[in-house]
C-alpha atoms as a PDB file:
ATOM      1  CA  MET A   1      12.131  25.390   9.336  1.00  0.00           C
ATOM      2  CA  ASN A   2       8.788  24.046  11.215  1.00  0.00           C
ATOM      3  CA  ARG A   3       6.701  21.522   9.551  1.00  0.00           C
ATOM      4  CA  PHE A   4       3.354  21.327  11.312  1.00  0.00           C
ATOM      5  CA  PHE A   5       0.894  22.833   8.638  1.00  0.00           C
ATOM      6  CA  LEU A   6      -2.759  20.932   7.964  1.00  0.00           C
ATOM      7  CA  LEU A   7      -3.908  20.420  11.500  1.00  0.00           C
ATOM      8  CA  ARG A   8      -7.450  22.660  10.770  1.00  0.00           C
ATOM      9  CA  VAL A   9      -6.800  22.456   6.972  1.00  0.00           C
ATOM     10  CA  VAL A  10      -7.233  18.964   6.490  1.00  0.00           C
ATOM     11  CA  PRO A  11     -10.799  18.790   7.303  1.00  0.00           C
ATOM     12  CA  ILE A  12     -11.607  21.851   5.675  1.00  0.00           C
ATOM     13  CA  ILE A  13      -9.987  20.258   2.316  1.00  0.00           C
ATOM     14  CA  ALA A  14     -11.457  16.710   2.856  1.00  0.00           C
ATOM     15  CA  ALA A  15     -14.859  18.122   3.179  1.00  0.00           C
ATOM     16  CA  LEU A  16     -14.756  20.531   0.329  1.00  0.00           C
ATOM     17  CA  SER A  17     -12.403  18.048  -2.175  1.00  0.00           C
ATOM     18  CA  VAL A  18     -15.241  17.975  -4.405  1.00  0.00           C
ATOM     19  CA  PHE A  19     -14.908  21.532  -5.580  1.00  0.00           C
ATOM     20  CA  ILE A  20     -10.257  21.704  -5.785  1.00  0.00           C
ATOM     21  CA  GLY A  21      -9.807  19.275  -8.183  1.00  0.00           C
ATOM     22  CA  GLY A  22      -5.973  18.075  -8.382  1.00  0.00           C
ATOM     23  CA  MET A  23      -5.868  19.541  -5.035  1.00  0.00           C
ATOM     24  CA  LEU A  24      -4.360  16.919  -2.476  1.00  0.00           C
ATOM     25  CA  LEU A  25      -7.588  14.162  -1.891  1.00  0.00           C
ATOM     26  CA  LEU A  26      -9.131  11.564  -4.019  1.00  0.00           C
ATOM     27  CA  GLN A  27      -7.520  12.964  -7.165  1.00  0.00           C
ATOM     28  CA  ASN A  28      -7.021  10.205  -9.391  1.00  0.00           C
ATOM     29  CA  SER A  29      -7.771   6.047  -8.923  1.00  0.00           C
ATOM     30  CA  ARG A  30      -4.740   5.955  -7.269  1.00  0.00           C
ATOM     31  CA  PHE A  31      -5.787   8.086  -4.174  1.00  0.00           C
ATOM     32  CA  SER A  32      -9.093   6.994  -4.126  1.00  0.00           C
ATOM     33  CA  GLY A  33      -7.933   4.995  -1.123  1.00  0.00           C
ATOM     34  CA  LEU A  34      -5.192   5.789   1.564  1.00  0.00           C
ATOM     35  CA  SER A  35      -2.988   3.495  -0.954  1.00  0.00           C
ATOM     36  CA  SER A  36      -2.395   1.120  -3.872  1.00  0.00           C
ATOM     37  CA  LYS A  37      -3.199  -2.243  -4.302  1.00  0.00           C
ATOM     38  CA  GLY A  38      -0.951  -4.555  -2.389  1.00  0.00           C
ATOM     39  CA  ASN A  39      -0.489  -2.366   0.597  1.00  0.00           C
ATOM     40  CA  PRO A  40      -2.013  -3.007   3.727  1.00  0.00           C
ATOM     41  CA  PHE A  41      -3.794   0.041   4.298  1.00  0.00           C
ATOM     42  CA  HIS A  42      -5.562   0.429   0.102  1.00  0.00           C
ATOM     43  CA  GLY A  43      -9.207   0.550   1.329  1.00  0.00           C
ATOM     44  CA  THR A  44      -9.395   3.442   3.387  1.00  0.00           C
ATOM     45  CA  ASP A  45     -11.125   6.131   1.772  1.00  0.00           C
ATOM     46  CA  LEU A  46      -9.441   9.834   3.195  1.00  0.00           C
ATOM     47  CA  GLU A  47     -12.322  11.417   4.215  1.00  0.00           C
ATOM     48  CA  ASP A  48     -13.042   8.677   6.467  1.00  0.00           C
ATOM     49  CA  PHE A  49      -9.926   8.822   7.819  1.00  0.00           C
ATOM     50  CA  ASP A  50     -10.455   9.489  11.318  1.00  0.00           C
ATOM     51  CA  MET A  51      -7.374  10.639  12.822  1.00  0.00           C
ATOM     52  CA  GLU A  52      -8.446  10.183  16.520  1.00  0.00           C
ATOM     53  CA  GLY A  53     -10.232   7.117  15.698  1.00  0.00           C
ATOM     54  CA  ALA A  54      -9.995   3.584  17.341  1.00  0.00           C
ATOM     55  CA  SER A  55     -10.660   2.123  13.627  1.00  0.00           C
ATOM     56  CA  THR A  56      -7.580   4.467  12.679  1.00  0.00           C
ATOM     57  CA  ALA A  57      -5.074   2.905  15.446  1.00  0.00           C
ATOM     58  CA  ARG A  58      -4.420  -0.709  13.856  1.00  0.00           C
ATOM     59  CA  LEU A  59      -3.334   0.954  10.695  1.00  0.00           C
ATOM     60  CA  VAL A  60      -1.103   3.877  12.097  1.00  0.00           C
ATOM     61  CA  LEU A  61       0.532   1.736  14.351  1.00  0.00           C
ATOM     62  CA  SER A  62       1.224  -0.896  11.639  1.00  0.00           C
ATOM     63  CA  ALA A  63       2.700   1.927   9.676  1.00  0.00           C
ATOM     64  CA  PHE A  64       4.737   2.819  12.542  1.00  0.00           C
ATOM     65  CA  GLN A  65       6.293  -0.942  12.720  1.00  0.00           C
ATOM     66  CA  ARG A  66       6.305  -1.037   8.773  1.00  0.00           C
ATOM     67  CA  ALA A  67       8.818   2.106   8.871  1.00  0.00           C
ATOM     68  CA  TYR A  68      11.127   1.039  11.726  1.00  0.00           C
ATOM     69  CA  PRO A  69      11.121  -2.551  11.990  1.00  0.00           C
ATOM     70  CA  THR A  70      14.288  -2.156  14.090  1.00  0.00           C
ATOM     71  CA  LYS A  71      13.075  -0.070  16.381  1.00  0.00           C
ATOM     72  CA  VAL A  72       9.363  -1.153  16.591  1.00  0.00           C
ATOM     73  CA  SER A  73       9.375  -4.768  18.300  1.00  0.00           C
ATOM     74  CA  GLY A  74       5.682  -5.325  18.441  1.00  0.00           C
ATOM     75  CA  SER A  75       1.982  -4.173  18.390  1.00  0.00           C
ATOM     76  CA  GLY A  76      -1.371  -5.458  19.602  1.00  0.00           C
ATOM     77  CA  TYR A  77      -4.728  -4.404  21.635  1.00  0.00           C
ATOM     78  CA  ASP A  78      -4.534  -4.354  25.568  1.00  0.00           C
ATOM     79  CA  LYS A  79      -8.265  -6.103  26.540  1.00  0.00           C
ATOM     80  CA  HIS A  80      -6.926  -5.216  30.064  1.00  0.00           C
ATOM     81  CA  LEU A  81      -6.151  -1.203  29.203  1.00  0.00           C
ATOM     82  CA  GLN A  82      -8.837  -1.801  26.576  1.00  0.00           C
ATOM     83  CA  ASP A  83      -6.285   0.197  23.955  1.00  0.00           C
ATOM     84  CA  TRP A  84      -4.059  -0.556  21.099  1.00  0.00           C
ATOM     85  CA  PHE A  85       0.018  -0.370  21.879  1.00  0.00           C
ATOM     86  CA  ILE A  86       3.154  -0.054  20.757  1.00  0.00           C
ATOM     87  CA  VAL A  87       6.746  -1.471  21.753  1.00  0.00           C
ATOM     88  CA  VAL A  88       9.462   1.031  20.979  1.00  0.00           C
ATOM     89  CA  GLY A  89      12.486  -1.399  22.520  1.00  0.00           C
ATOM     90  CA  GLN A  90      11.296  -2.213  25.777  1.00  0.00           C
ATOM     91  CA  GLN A  91       8.781   0.420  26.235  1.00  0.00           C
ATOM     92  CA  ARG A  92       5.137   0.472  25.962  1.00  0.00           C
ATOM     93  CA  PHE A  93       2.918   3.376  24.598  1.00  0.00           C
ATOM     94  CA  LEU A  94      -0.981   3.239  24.270  1.00  0.00           C
ATOM     95  CA  TRP A  95      -3.112   4.589  21.096  1.00  0.00           C
ATOM     96  CA  ALA A  96      -4.592   7.292  23.694  1.00  0.00           C
ATOM     97  CA  LYS A  97      -6.830   8.922  20.619  1.00  0.00           C
ATOM     98  CA  GLY A  98      -3.580   9.042  18.385  1.00  0.00           C
ATOM     99  CA  ARG A  99      -1.388  10.746  20.982  1.00  0.00           C
ATOM    100  CA  ILE A 100       0.695   7.671  21.518  1.00  0.00           C
ATOM    101  CA  LEU A 101       1.553   7.958  25.216  1.00  0.00           C
ATOM    102  CA  PRO A 102       3.632   6.511  27.726  1.00  0.00           C
ATOM    103  CA  GLU A 103       1.504   3.236  29.297  1.00  0.00           C
ATOM    104  CA  SER A 104       3.317   4.430  32.246  1.00  0.00           C
ATOM    105  CA  LEU A 105       0.734   7.262  32.338  1.00  0.00           C
ATOM    106  CA  PHE A 106      -2.488   5.289  32.684  1.00  0.00           C
ATOM    107  CA  LEU A 107      -0.870   2.529  35.256  1.00  0.00           C
ATOM    108  CA  SER A 108      -2.475   4.715  38.137  1.00  0.00           C
ATOM    109  CA  GLY A 109      -5.835   4.303  37.375  1.00  0.00           C
ATOM    110  CA  GLU A 110      -6.705   8.120  37.426  1.00  0.00           C
ATOM    111  CA  GLU A 111      -8.134   9.421  33.820  1.00  0.00           C
ATOM    112  CA  VAL A 112      -5.709  10.714  31.487  1.00  0.00           C
ATOM    113  CA  PRO A 113      -6.956  14.396  30.112  1.00  0.00           C
ATOM    114  CA  VAL A 114      -4.925  12.781  26.708  1.00  0.00           C
ATOM    115  CA  GLU A 115      -6.553  15.711  24.738  1.00  0.00           C
ATOM    116  CA  GLN A 116      -4.280  18.181  25.820  1.00  0.00           C
ATOM    117  CA  TRP A 117      -1.734  16.893  23.175  1.00  0.00           C
ATOM    118  CA  ARG A 118      -1.895  16.687  19.488  1.00  0.00           C
ATOM    119  CA  PRO A 119      -2.153  13.287  17.354  1.00  0.00           C
ATOM    120  CA  VAL A 120       0.934  11.978  16.585  1.00  0.00           C
ATOM    121  CA  VAL A 121       0.034  11.841  13.175  1.00  0.00           C
ATOM    122  CA  ASP A 122      -2.623  14.707  12.614  1.00  0.00           C
ATOM    123  CA  TYR A 123      -2.502  14.741   8.272  1.00  0.00           C
ATOM    124  CA  ILE A 124      -2.447  12.808   5.080  1.00  0.00           C
ATOM    125  CA  TYR A 125       0.764  13.830   3.702  1.00  0.00           C
ATOM    126  CA  PRO A 126      -0.748  14.890   0.026  1.00  0.00           C
ATOM    127  CA  PRO A 127       0.118  13.801  -3.282  1.00  0.00           C
ATOM    128  CA  GLU A 128       0.455  16.688  -5.205  1.00  0.00           C
ATOM    129  CA  VAL A 129       1.080  20.451  -4.063  1.00  0.00           C
ATOM    130  CA  ALA A 130      -2.194  21.900  -3.582  1.00  0.00           C
ATOM    131  CA  ASP A 131      -2.263  25.069  -6.390  1.00  0.00           C
ATOM    132  CA  PRO A 132      -4.014  28.352  -5.211  1.00  0.00           C
ATOM    133  CA  ALA A 133      -5.297  29.255  -8.453  1.00  0.00           C
ATOM    134  CA  THR A 134      -7.879  26.321  -7.372  1.00  0.00           C
ATOM    135  CA  PHE A 135      -8.214  27.998  -3.762  1.00  0.00           C
ATOM    136  CA  ILE A 136     -12.264  28.551  -3.179  1.00  0.00           C
ATOM    137  CA  GLN A 137     -13.101  31.407  -0.377  1.00  0.00           C
ATOM    138  CA  GLU A 138     -13.484  28.782   2.426  1.00  0.00           C
ATOM    139  CA  ILE A 139     -10.010  27.007   2.105  1.00  0.00           C
ATOM    140  CA  ILE A 140      -8.015  30.475   1.944  1.00  0.00           C
ATOM    141  CA  SER A 141     -10.275  31.914   5.495  1.00  0.00           C
ATOM    142  CA  GLU A 142      -9.352  28.596   7.143  1.00  0.00           C
ATOM    143  CA  ILE A 143      -5.779  28.773   5.697  1.00  0.00           C
ATOM    144  CA  ARG A 144      -5.686  32.333   7.128  1.00  0.00           C
ATOM    145  CA  ARG A 145      -7.046  31.555  10.842  1.00  0.00           C
ATOM    146  CA  THR A 146      -4.751  28.181  11.192  1.00  0.00           C
ATOM    147  CA  SER A 147      -1.567  30.266  10.303  1.00  0.00           C
ATOM    148  CA  HIS A 148      -1.998  33.501  12.554  1.00  0.00           C
ATOM    149  CA  PRO A 149       0.496  33.735  15.115  1.00  0.00           C
ATOM    150  CA  ASP A 150      -2.108  33.201  18.028  1.00  0.00           C
ATOM    151  CA  PHE A 151      -3.923  30.186  16.735  1.00  0.00           C
ATOM    152  CA  ARG A 152      -0.609  28.340  16.252  1.00  0.00           C
ATOM    153  CA  ALA A 153       0.436  29.034  20.100  1.00  0.00           C
ATOM    154  CA  SER A 154      -3.052  27.883  21.230  1.00  0.00           C
ATOM    155  CA  GLN A 155      -2.641  24.198  19.748  1.00  0.00           C
ATOM    156  CA  PRO A 156      -1.833  21.828  22.081  1.00  0.00           C
ATOM    157  CA  SER A 157       2.039  20.096  21.663  1.00  0.00           C
ATOM    158  CA  TYR A 158       2.845  16.642  21.095  1.00  0.00           C
ATOM    159  CA  HIS A 159       3.972  14.089  23.687  1.00  0.00           C
ATOM    160  CA  LEU A 160       7.618  13.769  22.405  1.00  0.00           C
ATOM    161  CA  ASP A 161       8.292  10.608  24.131  1.00  0.00           C
ATOM    162  CA  PHE A 162       7.201   8.255  21.701  1.00  0.00           C
ATOM    163  CA  PHE A 163       9.712  10.128  18.987  1.00  0.00           C
ATOM    164  CA  ASP A 164      12.107  10.131  21.418  1.00  0.00           C
ATOM    165  CA  ALA A 165      12.176   6.375  21.901  1.00  0.00           C
ATOM    166  CA  LEU A 166      12.555   6.066  18.650  1.00  0.00           C
ATOM    167  CA  TYR A 167      15.597   8.249  18.151  1.00  0.00           C
ATOM    168  CA  ASP A 168      17.056   8.263  21.899  1.00  0.00           C
ATOM    169  CA  GLY A 169      16.473  11.924  22.110  1.00  0.00           C
ATOM    170  CA  LYS A 170      14.632  12.670  24.990  1.00  0.00           C
ATOM    171  CA  TYR A 171      17.555  15.522  25.891  1.00  0.00           C
ATOM    172  CA  GLN A 172      20.115  17.265  23.757  1.00  0.00           C
ATOM    173  CA  VAL A 173      22.995  15.865  25.234  1.00  0.00           C
ATOM    174  CA  ARG A 174      21.260  11.845  24.053  1.00  0.00           C
ATOM    175  CA  ILE A 175      20.402  13.358  20.207  1.00  0.00           C
ATOM    176  CA  GLU A 176      23.342  14.919  20.083  1.00  0.00           C
ATOM    177  CA  GLN A 177      25.290  11.354  20.452  1.00  0.00           C
ATOM    178  CA  ASN A 178      23.582  10.111  17.360  1.00  0.00           C
ATOM    179  CA  ILE A 179      24.185  13.309  14.689  1.00  0.00           C
ATOM    180  CA  VAL A 180      27.045  12.137  12.085  1.00  0.00           C
ATOM    181  CA  SER A 181      28.847  14.294   9.772  1.00  0.00           C
ATOM    182  CA  MET A 182      28.505  13.561   6.184  1.00  0.00           C
ATOM    183  CA  SER A 183      28.599  14.466   2.308  1.00  0.00           C
ATOM    184  CA  PHE A 184      25.537  15.053   1.017  1.00  0.00           C
ATOM    185  CA  LEU A 185      25.700  16.719  -2.757  1.00  0.00           C
ATOM    186  CA  GLY A 186      28.433  17.750  -1.981  1.00  0.00           C
ATOM    187  CA  ARG A 187      27.776  19.882   1.345  1.00  0.00           C
ATOM    188  CA  LYS A 188      28.331  18.868   4.696  1.00  0.00           C
ATOM    189  CA  VAL A 189      25.281  18.402   6.921  1.00  0.00           C
ATOM    190  CA  ASN A 190      24.996  16.937  10.003  1.00  0.00           C
ATOM    191  CA  VAL A 191      22.334  14.460  10.408  1.00  0.00           C
ATOM    192  CA  HIS A 192      20.991  11.796  12.844  1.00  0.00           C
ATOM    193  CA  ARG A 193      22.661   8.462  11.747  1.00  0.00           C
ATOM    194  CA  ASP A 194      19.104   6.484  11.188  1.00  0.00           C
ATOM    195  CA  ILE A 195      18.815   8.442   8.569  1.00  0.00           C
ATOM    196  CA  MET A 196      22.315   8.538   6.931  1.00  0.00           C
ATOM    197  CA  PRO A 197      21.857   5.256   4.903  1.00  0.00           C
ATOM    198  CA  ALA A 198      18.250   6.488   3.122  1.00  0.00           C
ATOM    199  CA  LEU A 199      19.929  10.025   2.504  1.00  0.00           C
ATOM    200  CA  SER A 200      22.919   8.436   1.294  1.00  0.00           C
ATOM    201  CA  GLN A 201      20.985   6.487  -1.271  1.00  0.00           C
ATOM    202  CA  VAL A 202      18.946   9.627  -2.209  1.00  0.00           C
ATOM    203  CA  GLU A 203      22.110  11.113  -3.170  1.00  0.00           C
ATOM    204  CA  LYS A 204      23.427   8.025  -5.114  1.00  0.00           C
ATOM    205  CA  ARG A 205      20.158   8.701  -7.270  1.00  0.00           C
ATOM    206  CA  ILE A 206      20.115  11.897  -7.747  1.00  0.00           C
ATOM    207  CA  LEU A 207      23.601  12.185  -9.141  1.00  0.00           C
ATOM    208  CA  GLU A 208      23.130   9.290 -11.098  1.00  0.00           C
ATOM    209  CA  GLU A 209      19.579  11.822 -12.688  1.00  0.00           C
ATOM    210  CA  ALA A 210      21.624  14.876 -13.139  1.00  0.00           C
ATOM    211  CA  PRO A 211      23.215  13.818 -16.178  1.00  0.00           C
ATOM    212  CA  HIS A 212      20.331  12.979 -18.002  1.00  0.00           C
ATOM    213  CA  ASN A 213      18.026  15.305 -16.977  1.00  0.00           C
ATOM    214  CA  HIS A 214      18.874  19.207 -16.789  1.00  0.00           C
ATOM    215  CA  GLU A 215      17.055  20.340 -14.042  1.00  0.00           C
ATOM    216  CA  VAL A 216      18.431  18.176 -11.608  1.00  0.00           C
ATOM    217  CA  LYS A 217      22.008  18.901 -12.942  1.00  0.00           C
ATOM    218  CA  ASP A 218      21.027  22.778 -12.455  1.00  0.00           C
ATOM    219  CA  PHE A 219      19.686  22.273  -9.313  1.00  0.00           C
ATOM    220  CA  VAL A 220      22.710  20.446  -8.249  1.00  0.00           C
ATOM    221  CA  ALA A 221      25.187  22.620  -9.018  1.00  0.00           C
ATOM    222  CA  THR A 222      23.292  25.449  -7.792  1.00  0.00           C
ATOM    223  CA  ILE A 223      22.899  24.219  -3.997  1.00  0.00           C
ATOM    224  CA  SER A 224      24.477  26.817  -1.355  1.00  0.00           C
ATOM    225  CA  SER A 225      24.297  24.753   1.734  1.00  0.00           C
ATOM    226  CA  VAL A 226      22.534  21.857   3.318  1.00  0.00           C
ATOM    227  CA  ASP A 227      21.655  21.719   7.568  1.00  0.00           C
ATOM    228  CA  GLY A 228      20.503  19.219   9.262  1.00  0.00           C
ATOM    229  CA  TYR A 229      20.570  18.872  12.788  1.00  0.00           C
ATOM    230  CA  ASN A 230      19.604  22.102  14.891  1.00  0.00           C
ATOM    231  CA  TRP A 231      18.402  21.826  18.307  1.00  0.00           C
ATOM    232  CA  ARG A 232      15.282  24.381  18.071  1.00  0.00           C
ATOM    233  CA  GLU A 233      11.877  24.711  19.048  1.00  0.00           C
ATOM    234  CA  ILE A 234       8.948  25.761  16.693  1.00  0.00           C
ATOM    235  CA  ARG A 235       8.312  29.395  15.502  1.00  0.00           C
ATOM    236  CA  ASP A 236       5.033  30.052  17.452  1.00  0.00           C
ATOM    237  CA  ARG A 237       4.830  26.324  19.082  1.00  0.00           C
ATOM    238  CA  GLN A 238       6.773  24.917  22.150  1.00  0.00           C
ATOM    239  CA  ASP A 239       7.035  21.665  19.693  1.00  0.00           C
ATOM    240  CA  ARG A 240      10.626  20.372  18.557  1.00  0.00           C
ATOM    241  CA  SER A 241      11.083  20.742  15.215  1.00  0.00           C
ATOM    242  CA  PHE A 242      12.761  18.067  13.074  1.00  0.00           C
ATOM    243  CA  HIS A 243      15.593  19.402  13.045  1.00  0.00           C
ATOM    244  CA  SER A 244      15.856  18.735  16.588  1.00  0.00           C
ATOM    245  CA  TRP A 245      16.097  15.198  16.147  1.00  0.00           C
ATOM    246  CA  GLY A 246      18.573  15.618  13.197  1.00  0.00           C
ATOM    247  CA  LEU A 247      16.053  14.139  11.081  1.00  0.00           C
ATOM    248  CA  ALA A 248      15.502  16.875   8.622  1.00  0.00           C
ATOM    249  CA  VAL A 249      17.431  18.607   5.911  1.00  0.00           C
ATOM    250  CA  ASP A 250      17.030  22.198   4.400  1.00  0.00           C
ATOM    251  CA  ILE A 251      18.625  22.699   0.976  1.00  0.00           C
ATOM    252  CA  MET A 252      18.984  26.227   0.170  1.00  0.00           C
ATOM    253  CA  PRO A 253      19.463  27.216  -3.321  1.00  0.00           C
ATOM    254  CA  LYS A 254      22.418  29.982  -4.226  1.00  0.00           C
ATOM    255  CA  ASP A 255      19.725  31.475  -6.282  1.00  0.00           C
ATOM    256  CA  TRP A 256      16.216  31.801  -5.153  1.00  0.00           C
ATOM    257  CA  GLN A 257      15.167  33.858  -8.660  1.00  0.00           C
ATOM    258  CA  LYS A 258      13.773  36.116  -6.848  1.00  0.00           C
ATOM    259  CA  LYS A 259      11.087  33.286  -5.940  1.00  0.00           C
ATOM    260  CA  ASN A 260       9.651  32.627  -2.273  1.00  0.00           C
ATOM    261  CA  ILE A 261      10.771  29.523  -0.579  1.00  0.00           C
ATOM    262  CA  TYR A 262       9.213  29.720   2.991  1.00  0.00           C
ATOM    263  CA  TRP A 263       5.275  30.914   3.786  1.00  0.00           C
ATOM    264  CA  SER A 264       6.273  32.406   7.007  1.00  0.00           C
ATOM    265  CA  TRP A 265       8.891  34.935   5.755  1.00  0.00           C
ATOM    266  CA  ILE A 266       6.183  36.190   3.253  1.00  0.00           C
ATOM    267  CA  SER A 267       3.169  36.176   5.934  1.00  0.00           C
ATOM    268  CA  ASP A 268       4.838  39.037   7.679  1.00  0.00           C
ATOM    269  CA  PHE A 269       4.413  41.453   5.107  1.00  0.00           C
ATOM    270  CA  ASP A 270       1.926  39.967   2.419  1.00  0.00           C
ATOM    271  CA  SER A 271      -1.752  38.436   4.076  1.00  0.00           C
ATOM    272  CA  ASP A 272      -2.350  36.993   0.667  1.00  0.00           C
ATOM    273  CA  TRP A 273       1.179  34.820   0.646  1.00  0.00           C
ATOM    274  CA  MET A 274      -1.140  31.919   0.437  1.00  0.00           C
ATOM    275  CA  LEU A 275      -2.225  32.857  -2.915  1.00  0.00           C
ATOM    276  CA  ILE A 276       0.867  33.379  -4.606  1.00  0.00           C
ATOM    277  CA  PRO A 277       1.378  31.505  -7.970  1.00  0.00           C
ATOM    278  CA  LEU A 278       3.108  28.126  -8.145  1.00  0.00           C
ATOM    279  CA  SER A 279       5.405  29.907 -10.589  1.00  0.00           C
ATOM    280  CA  GLN A 280       6.252  31.956  -7.842  1.00  0.00           C
ATOM    281  CA  ARG A 281       7.745  29.668  -5.178  1.00  0.00           C
ATOM    282  CA  TRP A 282      11.112  28.018  -5.634  1.00  0.00           C
ATOM    283  CA  MET A 283      11.087  24.456  -5.715  1.00  0.00           C
ATOM    284  CA  PRO A 284      13.920  21.509  -6.177  1.00  0.00           C
ATOM    285  CA  PRO A 285      12.602  19.439  -9.411  1.00  0.00           C
ATOM    286  CA  LYS A 286       9.788  17.162  -8.939  1.00  0.00           C
ATOM    287  CA  ALA A 287      12.842  14.396  -9.888  1.00  0.00           C
ATOM    288  CA  VAL A 288      14.036  14.983  -6.966  1.00  0.00           C
ATOM    289  CA  VAL A 289      11.217  15.000  -4.974  1.00  0.00           C
ATOM    290  CA  ASP A 290      10.471  11.868  -6.040  1.00  0.00           C
ATOM    291  CA  ILE A 291      13.753  10.338  -4.873  1.00  0.00           C
ATOM    292  CA  PHE A 292      13.247  11.938  -1.819  1.00  0.00           C
ATOM    293  CA  GLU A 293       9.704  10.696  -1.111  1.00  0.00           C
ATOM    294  CA  GLN A 294      11.107   7.138  -2.301  1.00  0.00           C
ATOM    295  CA  HIS A 295      13.761   6.914   0.353  1.00  0.00           C
ATOM    296  CA  GLY A 296      10.834   7.867   2.981  1.00  0.00           C
ATOM    297  CA  PHE A 297      11.185  11.658   3.401  1.00  0.00           C
ATOM    298  CA  VAL A 298       8.615  14.049   2.809  1.00  0.00           C
ATOM    299  CA  TRP A 299       8.887  17.203   1.363  1.00  0.00           C
ATOM    300  CA  GLY A 300       7.999  20.775   3.057  1.00  0.00           C
ATOM    301  CA  GLY A 301       6.737  22.068  -0.302  1.00  0.00           C
ATOM    302  CA  LYS A 302       3.475  20.095   0.027  1.00  0.00           C
ATOM    303  CA  TRP A 303       2.233  21.431   2.918  1.00  0.00           C
ATOM    304  CA  MET A 304      -0.425  24.121   2.746  1.00  0.00           C
ATOM    305  CA  LEU A 305       2.190  25.942   4.940  1.00  0.00           C
ATOM    306  CA  TRP A 306       4.907  25.066   2.287  1.00  0.00           C
ATOM    307  CA  ASP A 307       8.457  25.180   2.954  1.00  0.00           C
ATOM    308  CA  THR A 308      10.295  24.271  -0.039  1.00  0.00           C
ATOM    309  CA  ILE A 309      13.342  23.720   1.004  1.00  0.00           C
ATOM    310  CA  HIS A 310      12.822  21.263   3.922  1.00  0.00           C
ATOM    311  CA  PHE A 311      12.785  17.367   3.677  1.00  0.00           C
ATOM    312  CA  GLU A 312      12.117  15.158   6.914  1.00  0.00           C
ATOM    313  CA  TYR A 313      12.104  11.639   7.406  1.00  0.00           C
ATOM    314  CA  ARG A 314       8.619  10.294   8.169  1.00  0.00           C
ATOM    315  CA  PRO A 315       8.289   7.169   6.183  1.00  0.00           C
ATOM    316  CA  GLU A 316       4.484   6.557   8.001  1.00  0.00           C
ATOM    317  CA  LEU A 317       3.657   9.194   6.418  1.00  0.00           C
ATOM    318  CA  LEU A 318       4.333   8.136   2.791  1.00  0.00           C
ATOM    319  CA  ILE A 319       2.988   4.547   3.935  1.00  0.00           C
ATOM    320  CA  LEU A 320      -0.344   5.674   4.654  1.00  0.00           C
ATOM    321  CA  GLN A 321      -0.622   8.257   1.962  1.00  0.00           C
ATOM    322  CA  GLY A 322       0.413   4.647   0.127  1.00  0.00           C
ATOM    323  CA  SER A 323       3.467   5.899  -2.137  1.00  0.00           C
ATOM    324  CA  PHE A 324       6.155   4.124   0.209  1.00  0.00           C
END
């Protein structure tokens, strides 16, 4: 399922956060900045987090370096090109207003129109699920606008070379050489070999929690399937889903309890889908979500365009949020 959701919604939420207690931003002292005490990102206010700004480059590139220490060999500032850079393997990428583009694009000396691509990090992963009961009209209108198929189809795509370099996945045949099969909570799933250790730890922690937590025990018992690698593009867009790298899993329950799991399935026949109460969404137990996040996975249930069965490996987002 798709994952990109807050490109236009985040700025509105940040600007209106004073009206939306408990939604996404500035809820309590822990989230008054991008991170908590002891984290190098501490002290950066979410409302001042310019996704494209040069002042953000060091923070984001450092987050990637911390998230992928075996892949990222360094980062710094290039005085000649007047931009920040990051090195993955032997390949250098420039910040390029957050697009993180191959340095080779800039060596001709001609101006590169970087705005034709989306910033690689274009939202802050929210600490909590946004409660529709708190939405004011401006938020509702913005969600309607940015979730419309025409709007989504018109948005720039990511330049994929950076993630291709991180996961050796420029072509389908290459990525499939990195896909492994594993058992997860009693179900077979195909994922990228790089996330297998983290996913194994998630499974271990969930199984340890289940005997002491009836919600977790029921969650494990009612799993219908776990879907991982699937080479495909995102609906309404030309971007690849994180399933296409084998970096995401969808945990499908046997019984949805007549609840909703994915915004897009509902939006086709309910124009007020964004106002569906949280009680009418199927969700994994909070303990399960917490375990996934502690091992580098973000949960689609916290997105404004929610996808409650979806987890994807994005430790850099959790580092920037301050919880990893």
